[in-house]
Amino acid sequence: MEQGKKLLSNISDEQKIEILRKNWMSHDARCQMAIAQELGWEMGNKLNKTIIGDMGKVMMYRIMNALKISEVKNIEDLQAICLAAVLFYYPPPNMIYQFERESETSLIGVIEKCGVYENIKKIGVSDQYECGCFAMRSGWYKALGVKVEEKLLKCLKDGDDICKIVLKVKDWKIKK
């Protein structure tokens, strides 16, 4: 045990976190590909969205608990927690993302770079893969207790220079 601990002490906490992130993303990609190969892309995309939606809820609960946040009450709270989650789970340089406040009940999410999409392009399945980001964020919003409607205005996958998503809060306190 001590030999292992001594060896691991040569890896910084930031490096350990990066290894865990890469392992998680690699597992997610391999799982998606295995399902698609076994059951086809339609079922692979459907299952991926179901899984990442559930994971999104758990991801947000975990970061909320760590930050001691029990609810969001306004657009500033929503913007801050969503940015914190993106920075924690999908940090630059793999993901470049921001939320711009549009009104008291809406934000515009802008994705300038998406590491997931870049990897999908590299393996040549971008025409079959359906992004799971909406499902993931849906899980986030459930954990946060907000009802949000999202509309995709631009998409990297469609050849646009960014993804641009409008988030409109419909209700601030819903039953989780």
C-alpha atoms as a PDB file:
ATOM      1  CA  MET A   1       0.000   0.000   0.000  1.00  0.00           C
ATOM      2  CA  GLU A   2       2.702   2.488   0.959  1.00  0.00           C
ATOM      3  CA  GLN A   3       4.627   1.818  -2.268  1.00  0.00           C
ATOM      4  CA  GLY A   4       1.548   2.687  -4.288  1.00  0.00           C
ATOM      5  CA  LYS A   5       0.898   5.850  -2.274  1.00  0.00           C
ATOM      6  CA  LYS A   6       4.542   6.874  -2.653  1.00  0.00           C
ATOM      7  CA  LEU A   7       4.410   6.346  -6.399  1.00  0.00           C
ATOM      8  CA  LEU A   8       1.135   8.314  -6.708  1.00  0.00           C
ATOM      9  CA  SER A   9       2.643  11.200  -4.749  1.00  0.00           C
ATOM     10  CA  ASN A  10       4.617  11.953  -7.932  1.00  0.00           C
ATOM     11  CA  ILE A  11       1.379  12.909  -9.682  1.00  0.00           C
ATOM     12  CA  SER A  12      -0.135  16.318  -8.846  1.00  0.00           C
ATOM     13  CA  ASP A  13      -3.769  16.597  -7.805  1.00  0.00           C
ATOM     14  CA  GLU A  14      -4.495  18.443 -11.076  1.00  0.00           C
ATOM     15  CA  GLN A  15      -2.918  15.600 -13.080  1.00  0.00           C
ATOM     16  CA  LYS A  16      -4.979  13.043 -11.128  1.00  0.00           C
ATOM     17  CA  ILE A  17      -8.169  14.972 -11.870  1.00  0.00           C
ATOM     18  CA  GLU A  18      -7.259  15.192 -15.569  1.00  0.00           C
ATOM     19  CA  ILE A  19      -6.586  11.442 -15.718  1.00  0.00           C
ATOM     20  CA  LEU A  20      -9.985  10.750 -14.129  1.00  0.00           C
ATOM     21  CA  ARG A  21     -11.741  13.136 -16.553  1.00  0.00           C
ATOM     22  CA  LYS A  22     -10.052  11.519 -19.548  1.00  0.00           C
ATOM     23  CA  ASN A  23     -10.917   8.032 -18.269  1.00  0.00           C
ATOM     24  CA  TRP A  24     -14.544   9.046 -17.819  1.00  0.00           C
ATOM     25  CA  MET A  25     -14.774  10.576 -21.295  1.00  0.00           C
ATOM     26  CA  SER A  26     -12.996   7.589 -22.818  1.00  0.00           C
ATOM     27  CA  HIS A  27     -15.371   5.191 -21.070  1.00  0.00           C
ATOM     28  CA  ASP A  28     -18.365   7.212 -22.240  1.00  0.00           C
ATOM     29  CA  ALA A  29     -17.136   7.184 -25.848  1.00  0.00           C
ATOM     30  CA  ARG A  30     -16.353   3.460 -25.832  1.00  0.00           C
ATOM     31  CA  CYS A  31     -19.716   2.656 -24.290  1.00  0.00           C
ATOM     32  CA  GLN A  32     -21.505   4.744 -26.942  1.00  0.00           C
ATOM     33  CA  MET A  33     -19.575   3.046 -29.748  1.00  0.00           C
ATOM     34  CA  ALA A  34     -20.197  -0.461 -28.360  1.00  0.00           C
ATOM     35  CA  ILE A  35     -23.934   0.180 -28.096  1.00  0.00           C
ATOM     36  CA  ALA A  36     -24.047   1.711 -31.589  1.00  0.00           C
ATOM     37  CA  GLN A  37     -22.149  -1.248 -33.065  1.00  0.00           C
ATOM     38  CA  GLU A  38     -24.342  -3.770 -31.297  1.00  0.00           C
ATOM     39  CA  LEU A  39     -27.753  -2.109 -31.550  1.00  0.00           C
ATOM     40  CA  GLY A  40     -27.346   0.591 -34.197  1.00  0.00           C
ATOM     41  CA  TRP A  41     -26.966   4.341 -33.990  1.00  0.00           C
ATOM     42  CA  GLU A  42     -30.633   5.081 -33.342  1.00  0.00           C
ATOM     43  CA  MET A  43     -30.630   2.981 -30.174  1.00  0.00           C
ATOM     44  CA  GLY A  44     -27.086   4.098 -29.276  1.00  0.00           C
ATOM     45  CA  ASN A  45     -28.086   7.759 -29.383  1.00  0.00           C
ATOM     46  CA  LYS A  46     -31.305   7.087 -27.474  1.00  0.00           C
ATOM     47  CA  LEU A  47     -29.526   5.198 -24.696  1.00  0.00           C
ATOM     48  CA  ASN A  48     -26.700   7.745 -24.549  1.00  0.00           C
ATOM     49  CA  LYS A  49     -29.201  10.564 -24.016  1.00  0.00           C
ATOM     50  CA  THR A  50     -31.022   8.624 -21.306  1.00  0.00           C
ATOM     51  CA  ILE A  51     -27.793   7.795 -19.500  1.00  0.00           C
ATOM     52  CA  ILE A  52     -26.235  11.257 -19.770  1.00  0.00           C
ATOM     53  CA  GLY A  53     -29.514  12.866 -18.659  1.00  0.00           C
ATOM     54  CA  ASP A  54     -29.445  10.777 -15.486  1.00  0.00           C
ATOM     55  CA  MET A  55     -25.724  11.446 -15.079  1.00  0.00           C
ATOM     56  CA  GLY A  56     -26.292  15.178 -15.537  1.00  0.00           C
ATOM     57  CA  LYS A  57     -28.643  15.179 -12.579  1.00  0.00           C
ATOM     58  CA  VAL A  58     -26.104  13.321 -10.422  1.00  0.00           C
ATOM     59  CA  MET A  59     -23.250  15.550 -11.637  1.00  0.00           C
ATOM     60  CA  MET A  60     -25.152  18.677 -10.640  1.00  0.00           C
ATOM     61  CA  TYR A  61     -26.199  17.259  -7.258  1.00  0.00           C
ATOM     62  CA  ARG A  62     -22.563  16.463  -6.517  1.00  0.00           C
ATOM     63  CA  ILE A  63     -21.277  19.916  -7.394  1.00  0.00           C
ATOM     64  CA  MET A  64     -24.182  21.557  -5.545  1.00  0.00           C
ATOM     65  CA  ASN A  65     -23.363  19.530  -2.438  1.00  0.00           C
ATOM     66  CA  ALA A  66     -19.664  20.376  -2.675  1.00  0.00           C
ATOM     67  CA  LEU A  67     -20.506  24.083  -3.071  1.00  0.00           C
ATOM     68  CA  LYS A  68     -23.246  23.921  -0.406  1.00  0.00           C
ATOM     69  CA  ILE A  69     -25.853  25.238  -2.846  1.00  0.00           C
ATOM     70  CA  SER A  70     -29.386  24.000  -2.289  1.00  0.00           C
ATOM     71  CA  GLU A  71     -31.244  26.015  -4.917  1.00  0.00           C
ATOM     72  CA  VAL A  72     -30.993  28.699  -7.550  1.00  0.00           C
ATOM     73  CA  LYS A  73     -33.239  31.703  -7.098  1.00  0.00           C
ATOM     74  CA  ASN A  74     -32.419  33.894 -10.068  1.00  0.00           C
ATOM     75  CA  ILE A  75     -30.619  34.067 -13.396  1.00  0.00           C
ATOM     76  CA  GLU A  76     -27.305  35.051 -11.781  1.00  0.00           C
ATOM     77  CA  ASP A  77     -27.382  31.920  -9.594  1.00  0.00           C
ATOM     78  CA  LEU A  78     -28.207  29.755 -12.602  1.00  0.00           C
ATOM     79  CA  GLN A  79     -25.449  31.310 -14.692  1.00  0.00           C
ATOM     80  CA  ALA A  80     -22.870  30.885 -11.924  1.00  0.00           C
ATOM     81  CA  ILE A  81     -23.641  27.235 -11.133  1.00  0.00           C
ATOM     82  CA  CYS A  82     -23.813  26.240 -14.809  1.00  0.00           C
ATOM     83  CA  LEU A  83     -20.466  27.918 -15.492  1.00  0.00           C
ATOM     84  CA  ALA A  84     -18.958  26.240 -12.435  1.00  0.00           C
ATOM     85  CA  ALA A  85     -20.218  22.850 -13.603  1.00  0.00           C
ATOM     86  CA  VAL A  86     -18.853  23.308 -17.120  1.00  0.00           C
ATOM     87  CA  LEU A  87     -15.487  24.489 -15.812  1.00  0.00           C
ATOM     88  CA  PHE A  88     -15.273  21.578 -13.409  1.00  0.00           C
ATOM     89  CA  TYR A  89     -16.478  18.755 -15.654  1.00  0.00           C
ATOM     90  CA  TYR A  90     -15.386  20.072 -19.078  1.00  0.00           C
ATOM     91  CA  PRO A  91     -12.564  22.582 -18.542  1.00  0.00           C
ATOM     92  CA  PRO A  92     -10.609  24.396 -21.223  1.00  0.00           C
ATOM     93  CA  PRO A  93      -8.888  23.733 -23.485  1.00  0.00           C
ATOM     94  CA  ASN A  94     -11.180  20.811 -24.384  1.00  0.00           C
ATOM     95  CA  MET A  95     -14.337  22.859 -23.986  1.00  0.00           C
ATOM     96  CA  ILE A  96     -14.701  26.603 -24.392  1.00  0.00           C
ATOM     97  CA  TYR A  97     -18.137  27.640 -23.211  1.00  0.00           C
ATOM     98  CA  GLN A  98     -19.893  30.668 -21.763  1.00  0.00           C
ATOM     99  CA  PHE A  99     -23.315  31.793 -20.656  1.00  0.00           C
ATOM    100  CA  GLU A 100     -24.355  35.356 -21.462  1.00  0.00           C
ATOM    101  CA  ARG A 101     -27.267  36.861 -19.591  1.00  0.00           C
ATOM    102  CA  GLU A 102     -30.045  37.895 -21.943  1.00  0.00           C
ATOM    103  CA  SER A 103     -32.778  38.806 -19.441  1.00  0.00           C
ATOM    104  CA  GLU A 104     -34.033  38.059 -15.920  1.00  0.00           C
ATOM    105  CA  THR A 105     -35.152  34.630 -17.134  1.00  0.00           C
ATOM    106  CA  SER A 106     -32.864  33.757 -20.015  1.00  0.00           C
ATOM    107  CA  LEU A 107     -29.271  33.035 -20.880  1.00  0.00           C
ATOM    108  CA  ILE A 108     -27.487  32.391 -24.122  1.00  0.00           C
ATOM    109  CA  GLY A 109     -25.041  29.509 -24.014  1.00  0.00           C
ATOM    110  CA  VAL A 110     -22.187  29.731 -26.499  1.00  0.00           C
ATOM    111  CA  ILE A 111     -19.865  26.810 -27.178  1.00  0.00           C
ATOM    112  CA  GLU A 112     -16.808  27.895 -29.127  1.00  0.00           C
ATOM    113  CA  LYS A 113     -15.035  24.555 -28.849  1.00  0.00           C
ATOM    114  CA  CYS A 114     -16.446  21.129 -27.987  1.00  0.00           C
ATOM    115  CA  GLY A 115     -13.943  18.362 -27.315  1.00  0.00           C
ATOM    116  CA  VAL A 116     -16.666  15.724 -27.599  1.00  0.00           C
ATOM    117  CA  TYR A 117     -17.631  16.887 -31.078  1.00  0.00           C
ATOM    118  CA  GLU A 118     -13.972  17.110 -32.126  1.00  0.00           C
ATOM    119  CA  ASN A 119     -13.452  13.489 -31.091  1.00  0.00           C
ATOM    120  CA  ILE A 120     -16.619  12.377 -32.887  1.00  0.00           C
ATOM    121  CA  LYS A 121     -15.309  14.093 -36.049  1.00  0.00           C
ATOM    122  CA  LYS A 122     -11.921  12.382 -35.698  1.00  0.00           C
ATOM    123  CA  ILE A 123     -13.453   8.914 -35.700  1.00  0.00           C
ATOM    124  CA  GLY A 124     -15.749   9.780 -38.599  1.00  0.00           C
ATOM    125  CA  VAL A 125     -19.186   9.288 -37.052  1.00  0.00           C
ATOM    126  CA  SER A 126     -20.412  12.890 -36.776  1.00  0.00           C
ATOM    127  CA  ASP A 127     -23.192  12.201 -39.285  1.00  0.00           C
ATOM    128  CA  GLN A 128     -24.601   9.440 -37.032  1.00  0.00           C
ATOM    129  CA  TYR A 129     -23.886  10.763 -33.550  1.00  0.00           C
ATOM    130  CA  GLU A 130     -26.500  12.923 -31.814  1.00  0.00           C
ATOM    131  CA  CYS A 131     -25.148  15.251 -29.131  1.00  0.00           C
ATOM    132  CA  GLY A 132     -26.108  14.407 -25.575  1.00  0.00           C
ATOM    133  CA  CYS A 133     -25.495  17.902 -24.188  1.00  0.00           C
ATOM    134  CA  PHE A 134     -29.175  18.864 -24.077  1.00  0.00           C
ATOM    135  CA  ALA A 135     -29.988  15.683 -22.157  1.00  0.00           C
ATOM    136  CA  MET A 136     -27.102  16.297 -19.750  1.00  0.00           C
ATOM    137  CA  ARG A 137     -28.163  19.882 -19.052  1.00  0.00           C
ATOM    138  CA  SER A 138     -31.755  18.707 -18.633  1.00  0.00           C
ATOM    139  CA  GLY A 139     -30.454  16.617 -15.748  1.00  0.00           C
ATOM    140  CA  TRP A 140     -28.658  19.668 -14.378  1.00  0.00           C
ATOM    141  CA  TYR A 141     -31.862  21.702 -14.431  1.00  0.00           C
ATOM    142  CA  LYS A 142     -33.819  18.929 -12.695  1.00  0.00           C
ATOM    143  CA  ALA A 143     -31.229  18.825  -9.912  1.00  0.00           C
ATOM    144  CA  LEU A 144     -31.381  22.607  -9.628  1.00  0.00           C
ATOM    145  CA  GLY A 145     -35.173  22.597  -9.460  1.00  0.00           C
ATOM    146  CA  VAL A 146     -35.691  24.841 -12.475  1.00  0.00           C
ATOM    147  CA  LYS A 147     -37.797  24.230 -15.539  1.00  0.00           C
ATOM    148  CA  VAL A 148     -35.832  25.388 -18.571  1.00  0.00           C
ATOM    149  CA  GLU A 149     -36.672  25.436 -22.267  1.00  0.00           C
ATOM    150  CA  GLU A 150     -33.656  25.365 -24.585  1.00  0.00           C
ATOM    151  CA  LYS A 151     -33.532  26.269 -28.261  1.00  0.00           C
ATOM    152  CA  LEU A 152     -30.565  25.545 -30.525  1.00  0.00           C
ATOM    153  CA  LEU A 153     -29.784  28.506 -32.787  1.00  0.00           C
ATOM    154  CA  LYS A 154     -26.390  27.406 -34.160  1.00  0.00           C
ATOM    155  CA  CYS A 155     -24.523  24.116 -34.032  1.00  0.00           C
ATOM    156  CA  LEU A 156     -20.894  23.121 -34.634  1.00  0.00           C
ATOM    157  CA  LYS A 157     -22.145  19.755 -35.865  1.00  0.00           C
ATOM    158  CA  ASP A 158     -24.162  21.533 -38.577  1.00  0.00           C
ATOM    159  CA  GLY A 159     -21.097  23.441 -39.783  1.00  0.00           C
ATOM    160  CA  ASP A 160     -21.627  26.635 -37.779  1.00  0.00           C
ATOM    161  CA  ASP A 161     -18.658  28.343 -36.133  1.00  0.00           C
ATOM    162  CA  ILE A 162     -20.236  27.940 -32.652  1.00  0.00           C
ATOM    163  CA  CYS A 163     -23.099  26.267 -30.866  1.00  0.00           C
ATOM    164  CA  LYS A 164     -25.552  28.884 -29.645  1.00  0.00           C
ATOM    165  CA  ILE A 165     -28.345  27.893 -27.314  1.00  0.00           C
ATOM    166  CA  VAL A 166     -31.043  30.049 -25.744  1.00  0.00           C
ATOM    167  CA  LEU A 167     -32.099  28.950 -22.243  1.00  0.00           C
ATOM    168  CA  LYS A 168     -35.395  30.321 -20.984  1.00  0.00           C
ATOM    169  CA  VAL A 169     -36.393  29.616 -17.394  1.00  0.00           C
ATOM    170  CA  LYS A 170     -40.076  28.743 -17.206  1.00  0.00           C
ATOM    171  CA  ASP A 171     -40.260  28.032 -13.466  1.00  0.00           C
ATOM    172  CA  TRP A 172     -37.718  28.559 -10.669  1.00  0.00           C
ATOM    173  CA  LYS A 173     -38.972  26.036  -8.136  1.00  0.00           C
ATOM    174  CA  ILE A 174     -40.109  22.704  -9.437  1.00  0.00           C
ATOM    175  CA  LYS A 175     -40.294  19.441  -7.552  1.00  0.00           C
ATOM    176  CA  LYS A 176     -37.043  17.537  -8.033  1.00  0.00           C
END
